[in-house]
Amino acid sequence: MDDCIEWEGAKTGGYGVLKVEGKVRRAHRFAFFMHHGYWPKVCRHTCDNPSCINVAHLLDGDQADNMADKSERGRHHNSLKTHCPKGHEYVPENTRVWRGRRFCRECDNLRGREKRRKRRAE
């Protein structure tokens, strides 16, 4: 079954919630537990639908995996930014990626020039 199965009960922040043994649990995590027999550290949605409880759409992982998913799918707040803080556009020819972070080449060049200028003045 490829379609999402929407949780129809209570929701918090878009995620289905239910009470299990006196604890409030997220419905997708409970569905994962019922299918696989263990609680995942982080339960990730491949469908990006927080109210989906289809176990075919759920993966076990950790927070780093979850953040990588978010970034790859353009849902991380920084991946939505189109310009650096100084107003230079993030385009391939003006963007450097290091350790998964974007840097503006124009700002890097300006910092380098300023640093050299200060060294010469000393």
N, C-alpha and C. Protein backbone atom coordinates (compact mmCIF):
# COMPACT_ATOMS: atom_id res chain seq x y z
N MET A 1 0.85 -1.18 0.00
CA MET A 1 0.00 0.00 0.00
C MET A 1 0.89 1.24 0.00
N ASP A 2 0.81 2.06 -1.02
CA ASP A 2 1.67 3.23 -1.15
C ASP A 2 1.09 4.51 -0.59
N ASP A 3 -0.22 4.57 -0.39
CA ASP A 3 -0.84 5.80 0.09
C ASP A 3 -0.63 5.97 1.59
N CYS A 4 -0.64 7.22 2.00
CA CYS A 4 -0.56 7.52 3.43
C CYS A 4 -1.82 7.02 4.12
N ILE A 5 -1.64 6.58 5.35
CA ILE A 5 -2.78 6.24 6.20
C ILE A 5 -2.83 7.33 7.27
N GLU A 6 -3.83 8.19 7.17
CA GLU A 6 -3.95 9.35 8.06
C GLU A 6 -4.47 8.95 9.44
N TRP A 7 -3.79 9.41 10.48
CA TRP A 7 -4.28 9.24 11.84
C TRP A 7 -5.52 10.10 12.01
N GLU A 8 -6.58 9.52 12.49
CA GLU A 8 -7.85 10.24 12.61
C GLU A 8 -8.16 10.68 14.03
N GLY A 9 -7.30 10.33 14.97
CA GLY A 9 -7.53 10.70 16.36
C GLY A 9 -6.94 12.05 16.69
N ALA A 10 -6.60 12.24 17.95
CA ALA A 10 -6.05 13.51 18.44
C ALA A 10 -4.70 13.77 17.77
N LYS A 11 -4.40 15.07 17.60
CA LYS A 11 -3.13 15.47 16.97
C LYS A 11 -2.51 16.62 17.76
N THR A 12 -1.19 16.64 17.75
CA THR A 12 -0.43 17.74 18.31
C THR A 12 0.66 18.09 17.31
N GLY A 13 0.66 19.33 16.85
CA GLY A 13 1.67 19.74 15.88
C GLY A 13 1.62 18.95 14.59
N GLY A 14 0.45 18.44 14.23
CA GLY A 14 0.30 17.67 13.00
C GLY A 14 0.51 16.18 13.19
N TYR A 15 1.13 15.79 14.31
CA TYR A 15 1.41 14.38 14.60
C TYR A 15 0.26 13.77 15.38
N GLY A 16 -0.15 12.57 15.00
CA GLY A 16 -1.17 11.86 15.76
C GLY A 16 -0.62 11.48 17.12
N VAL A 17 -1.47 11.56 18.14
CA VAL A 17 -1.05 11.18 19.49
C VAL A 17 -2.09 10.25 20.11
N LEU A 18 -1.63 9.37 21.00
CA LEU A 18 -2.51 8.48 21.74
C LEU A 18 -1.85 8.13 23.06
N LYS A 19 -2.61 7.61 23.98
CA LYS A 19 -2.09 7.23 25.29
C LYS A 19 -1.83 5.74 25.30
N VAL A 20 -0.60 5.35 25.64
CA VAL A 20 -0.21 3.95 25.71
C VAL A 20 0.40 3.72 27.09
N GLU A 21 -0.23 2.84 27.87
CA GLU A 21 0.22 2.53 29.23
C GLU A 21 0.47 3.80 30.04
N GLY A 22 -0.46 4.74 29.96
CA GLY A 22 -0.39 5.96 30.74
C GLY A 22 0.53 7.04 30.19
N LYS A 23 1.21 6.77 29.07
CA LYS A 23 2.10 7.74 28.46
C LYS A 23 1.53 8.21 27.13
N VAL A 24 1.68 9.50 26.86
CA VAL A 24 1.25 10.02 25.56
C VAL A 24 2.35 9.68 24.55
N ARG A 25 1.97 9.01 23.49
CA ARG A 25 2.92 8.59 22.43
C ARG A 25 2.45 9.13 21.09
N ARG A 26 3.39 9.33 20.21
CA ARG A 26 3.04 9.71 18.84
C ARG A 26 2.57 8.45 18.10
N ALA A 27 1.50 8.63 17.35
CA ALA A 27 0.85 7.49 16.69
C ALA A 27 1.78 6.79 15.71
N HIS A 28 2.60 7.53 14.97
CA HIS A 28 3.48 6.88 14.00
C HIS A 28 4.55 6.05 14.69
N ARG A 29 5.03 6.51 15.84
CA ARG A 29 6.01 5.73 16.61
C ARG A 29 5.37 4.44 17.15
N PHE A 30 4.11 4.55 17.60
CA PHE A 30 3.40 3.38 18.09
C PHE A 30 3.17 2.38 16.96
N ALA A 31 2.80 2.87 15.78
CA ALA A 31 2.61 1.98 14.62
C ALA A 31 3.91 1.26 14.29
N PHE A 32 5.03 2.00 14.34
CA PHE A 32 6.34 1.39 14.09
C PHE A 32 6.62 0.30 15.13
N PHE A 33 6.35 0.61 16.40
CA PHE A 33 6.56 -0.35 17.49
C PHE A 33 5.73 -1.61 17.27
N MET A 34 4.46 -1.44 16.94
CA MET A 34 3.57 -2.60 16.74
C MET A 34 4.04 -3.47 15.57
N HIS A 35 4.59 -2.85 14.54
CA HIS A 35 5.04 -3.61 13.36
C HIS A 35 6.40 -4.26 13.57
N HIS A 36 7.34 -3.53 14.17
CA HIS A 36 8.72 -4.01 14.29
C HIS A 36 9.08 -4.58 15.66
N GLY A 37 8.29 -4.28 16.68
CA GLY A 37 8.53 -4.85 18.00
C GLY A 37 9.51 -4.07 18.87
N TYR A 38 9.93 -2.90 18.44
CA TYR A 38 10.80 -2.06 19.27
C TYR A 38 10.51 -0.60 18.98
N TRP A 39 10.84 0.24 19.97
CA TRP A 39 10.64 1.69 19.81
C TRP A 39 11.85 2.27 19.10
N PRO A 40 11.65 2.97 18.01
CA PRO A 40 12.79 3.57 17.31
C PRO A 40 13.32 4.77 18.08
N LYS A 41 14.61 5.03 17.94
CA LYS A 41 15.18 6.22 18.56
C LYS A 41 14.50 7.46 17.97
N VAL A 42 14.47 7.53 16.64
CA VAL A 42 13.72 8.57 15.91
C VAL A 42 12.99 7.85 14.79
N CYS A 43 11.71 8.11 14.68
CA CYS A 43 10.90 7.49 13.63
C CYS A 43 10.72 8.52 12.51
N ARG A 44 11.28 8.22 11.34
CA ARG A 44 11.28 9.18 10.22
C ARG A 44 10.21 8.81 9.21
N HIS A 45 9.57 9.85 8.65
CA HIS A 45 8.57 9.67 7.59
C HIS A 45 9.23 9.83 6.23
N THR A 46 9.07 8.86 5.35
CA THR A 46 9.56 9.02 3.97
C THR A 46 8.59 9.87 3.16
N CYS A 47 7.36 10.00 3.65
CA CYS A 47 6.32 10.73 2.92
C CYS A 47 6.20 12.19 3.36
N ASP A 48 6.93 12.59 4.40
CA ASP A 48 6.87 13.96 4.94
C ASP A 48 5.47 14.35 5.41
N ASN A 49 4.67 13.39 5.77
CA ASN A 49 3.32 13.64 6.27
C ASN A 49 3.29 13.23 7.75
N PRO A 50 3.32 14.20 8.67
CA PRO A 50 3.42 13.87 10.10
C PRO A 50 2.26 13.05 10.65
N SER A 51 1.09 13.10 10.03
CA SER A 51 -0.05 12.34 10.55
C SER A 51 -0.17 10.95 9.91
N CYS A 52 0.79 10.58 9.07
CA CYS A 52 0.77 9.26 8.41
C CYS A 52 1.24 8.17 9.38
N ILE A 53 0.50 7.06 9.42
CA ILE A 53 0.89 5.93 10.27
C ILE A 53 1.13 4.67 9.44
N ASN A 54 1.30 4.81 8.13
CA ASN A 54 1.60 3.68 7.25
C ASN A 54 3.03 3.23 7.54
N VAL A 55 3.20 2.00 8.05
CA VAL A 55 4.53 1.53 8.43
C VAL A 55 5.48 1.42 7.23
N ALA A 56 4.95 1.35 6.03
CA ALA A 56 5.80 1.32 4.84
C ALA A 56 6.46 2.68 4.61
N HIS A 57 5.95 3.73 5.26
CA HIS A 57 6.49 5.08 5.12
C HIS A 57 7.38 5.47 6.29
N LEU A 58 7.60 4.55 7.24
CA LEU A 58 8.33 4.87 8.46
C LEU A 58 9.67 4.17 8.51
N LEU A 59 10.70 4.92 8.91
CA LEU A 59 12.06 4.38 9.03
C LEU A 59 12.62 4.66 10.41
N ASP A 60 13.42 3.74 10.90
CA ASP A 60 14.17 3.95 12.14
C ASP A 60 15.39 4.81 11.81
N GLY A 61 15.86 5.56 12.75
CA GLY A 61 17.05 6.37 12.52
C GLY A 61 17.42 7.14 13.76
N ASP A 62 18.29 8.11 13.59
CA ASP A 62 18.67 8.98 14.70
C ASP A 62 18.42 10.43 14.27
N GLN A 63 18.73 11.35 15.17
CA GLN A 63 18.44 12.75 14.88
C GLN A 63 19.23 13.26 13.68
N ALA A 64 20.47 12.79 13.51
CA ALA A 64 21.28 13.21 12.37
C ALA A 64 20.62 12.79 11.06
N ASP A 65 20.09 11.55 11.02
CA ASP A 65 19.36 11.07 9.83
C ASP A 65 18.14 11.95 9.55
N ASN A 66 17.43 12.28 10.62
CA ASN A 66 16.22 13.08 10.49
C ASN A 66 16.54 14.48 9.95
N MET A 67 17.60 15.09 10.46
CA MET A 67 18.00 16.42 9.99
C MET A 67 18.50 16.36 8.55
N ALA A 68 19.20 15.28 8.18
CA ALA A 68 19.67 15.12 6.80
C ALA A 68 18.47 15.00 5.85
N ASP A 69 17.45 14.23 6.26
CA ASP A 69 16.22 14.11 5.47
C ASP A 69 15.60 15.49 5.26
N LYS A 70 15.50 16.22 6.34
CA LYS A 70 14.89 17.55 6.31
C LYS A 70 15.63 18.48 5.35
N SER A 71 16.94 18.44 5.41
CA SER A 71 17.76 19.30 4.56
C SER A 71 17.66 18.89 3.09
N GLU A 72 17.75 17.58 2.82
CA GLU A 72 17.67 17.07 1.44
C GLU A 72 16.33 17.41 0.78
N ARG A 73 15.28 17.43 1.58
CA ARG A 73 13.94 17.67 1.05
C ARG A 73 13.54 19.15 1.07
N GLY A 74 14.49 20.01 1.46
CA GLY A 74 14.23 21.44 1.44
C GLY A 74 13.30 21.93 2.53
N ARG A 75 13.20 21.19 3.64
CA ARG A 75 12.33 21.60 4.73
C ARG A 75 13.09 22.25 5.88
N HIS A 76 14.42 22.20 5.85
CA HIS A 76 15.22 22.84 6.90
C HIS A 76 15.16 24.35 6.69
N HIS A 77 15.02 25.11 7.77
CA HIS A 77 14.84 26.56 7.63
C HIS A 77 16.00 27.22 6.88
N ASN A 78 17.22 26.70 7.01
CA ASN A 78 18.34 27.31 6.29
C ASN A 78 18.33 26.96 4.81
N SER A 79 17.80 25.80 4.45
CA SER A 79 17.77 25.43 3.03
C SER A 79 16.75 26.26 2.25
N LEU A 80 15.85 26.93 2.96
CA LEU A 80 14.86 27.78 2.31
C LEU A 80 15.38 29.19 2.03
N LYS A 81 16.54 29.51 2.61
CA LYS A 81 17.10 30.84 2.43
C LYS A 81 17.72 30.95 1.03
N THR A 82 17.44 32.05 0.35
CA THR A 82 17.94 32.24 -1.01
C THR A 82 19.13 33.20 -1.06
N HIS A 83 19.36 33.94 0.04
CA HIS A 83 20.45 34.92 0.09
C HIS A 83 21.20 34.81 1.42
N CYS A 84 22.48 35.15 1.41
CA CYS A 84 23.27 35.17 2.63
C CYS A 84 22.84 36.37 3.48
N PRO A 85 23.30 36.47 4.73
CA PRO A 85 22.91 37.60 5.58
C PRO A 85 23.29 38.97 5.00
N LYS A 86 24.31 39.03 4.14
CA LYS A 86 24.72 40.30 3.53
C LYS A 86 23.94 40.60 2.24
N GLY A 87 23.06 39.67 1.83
CA GLY A 87 22.21 39.91 0.67
C GLY A 87 22.69 39.31 -0.63
N HIS A 88 23.80 38.56 -0.61
CA HIS A 88 24.30 37.92 -1.84
C HIS A 88 23.48 36.65 -2.10
N GLU A 89 23.13 36.43 -3.35
CA GLU A 89 22.30 35.28 -3.71
C GLU A 89 23.07 33.97 -3.61
N TYR A 90 22.39 32.94 -3.08
CA TYR A 90 22.96 31.59 -3.05
C TYR A 90 22.71 30.94 -4.40
N VAL A 91 23.66 31.08 -5.31
CA VAL A 91 23.62 30.41 -6.61
C VAL A 91 24.88 29.54 -6.66
N PRO A 92 24.91 28.49 -7.48
CA PRO A 92 26.06 27.58 -7.49
C PRO A 92 27.42 28.27 -7.63
N GLU A 93 27.51 29.28 -8.49
CA GLU A 93 28.81 29.93 -8.69
C GLU A 93 29.22 30.84 -7.54
N ASN A 94 28.30 31.13 -6.62
CA ASN A 94 28.62 31.99 -5.48
C ASN A 94 28.44 31.25 -4.15
N THR A 95 28.33 29.93 -4.19
CA THR A 95 28.08 29.16 -2.97
C THR A 95 29.13 28.07 -2.81
N ARG A 96 29.67 28.00 -1.60
CA ARG A 96 30.63 26.97 -1.24
C ARG A 96 29.98 26.13 -0.15
N VAL A 97 30.06 24.80 -0.25
CA VAL A 97 29.49 23.92 0.76
C VAL A 97 30.63 23.23 1.49
N TRP A 98 30.61 23.34 2.81
CA TRP A 98 31.64 22.71 3.64
C TRP A 98 30.95 22.09 4.84
N ARG A 99 31.16 20.79 5.03
CA ARG A 99 30.55 20.04 6.13
C ARG A 99 29.04 20.23 6.18
N GLY A 100 28.43 20.23 5.01
CA GLY A 100 26.98 20.32 4.90
C GLY A 100 26.40 21.71 5.06
N ARG A 101 27.26 22.73 5.22
CA ARG A 101 26.77 24.10 5.37
C ARG A 101 27.13 24.92 4.15
N ARG A 102 26.27 25.88 3.82
CA ARG A 102 26.52 26.77 2.69
C ARG A 102 27.23 28.02 3.15
N PHE A 103 28.17 28.46 2.33
CA PHE A 103 28.88 29.71 2.59
C PHE A 103 28.88 30.55 1.32
N CYS A 104 28.76 31.85 1.49
CA CYS A 104 28.77 32.79 0.37
C CYS A 104 30.22 33.07 -0.03
N ARG A 105 30.56 32.78 -1.27
CA ARG A 105 31.93 33.02 -1.75
C ARG A 105 32.26 34.51 -1.75
N GLU A 106 31.28 35.34 -2.11
CA GLU A 106 31.52 36.78 -2.15
C GLU A 106 31.87 37.31 -0.76
N CYS A 107 31.15 36.87 0.26
CA CYS A 107 31.47 37.28 1.64
C CYS A 107 32.84 36.74 2.06
N ASP A 108 33.15 35.48 1.69
CA ASP A 108 34.47 34.92 2.00
C ASP A 108 35.57 35.77 1.38
N ASN A 109 35.38 36.17 0.12
CA ASN A 109 36.38 37.00 -0.57
C ASN A 109 36.53 38.36 0.11
N LEU A 110 35.43 38.98 0.49
CA LEU A 110 35.48 40.28 1.18
C LEU A 110 36.20 40.17 2.51
N ARG A 111 35.93 39.09 3.27
CA ARG A 111 36.63 38.88 4.55
C ARG A 111 38.12 38.72 4.33
N GLY A 112 38.48 37.95 3.30
CA GLY A 112 39.90 37.74 2.99
C GLY A 112 40.60 39.05 2.62
N ARG A 113 39.94 39.86 1.80
CA ARG A 113 40.52 41.15 1.41
C ARG A 113 40.72 42.06 2.62
N GLU A 114 39.73 42.08 3.50
CA GLU A 114 39.80 42.92 4.70
C GLU A 114 40.93 42.44 5.62
N LYS A 115 41.07 41.15 5.74
CA LYS A 115 42.14 40.58 6.57
C LYS A 115 43.51 40.95 6.02
N ARG A 116 43.68 40.84 4.70
CA ARG A 116 44.97 41.21 4.07
C ARG A 116 45.24 42.70 4.21
N ARG A 117 44.19 43.52 4.07
CA ARG A 117 44.34 44.96 4.21
C ARG A 117 44.82 45.34 5.63
N LYS A 118 44.27 44.69 6.63
CA LYS A 118 44.66 44.94 8.02
C LYS A 118 46.11 44.51 8.27
N ARG A 119 46.51 43.36 7.69
CA ARG A 119 47.88 42.89 7.86
C ARG A 119 48.87 43.88 7.23
N ARG A 120 48.56 44.38 6.05
CA ARG A 120 49.44 45.34 5.37
C ARG A 120 49.57 46.64 6.16
N ALA A 121 48.48 47.03 6.82
CA ALA A 121 48.47 48.29 7.57
C ALA A 121 49.32 48.20 8.84
N GLU A 122 49.54 47.01 9.34
CA GLU A 122 50.32 46.86 10.59
C GLU A 122 51.79 47.02 10.40
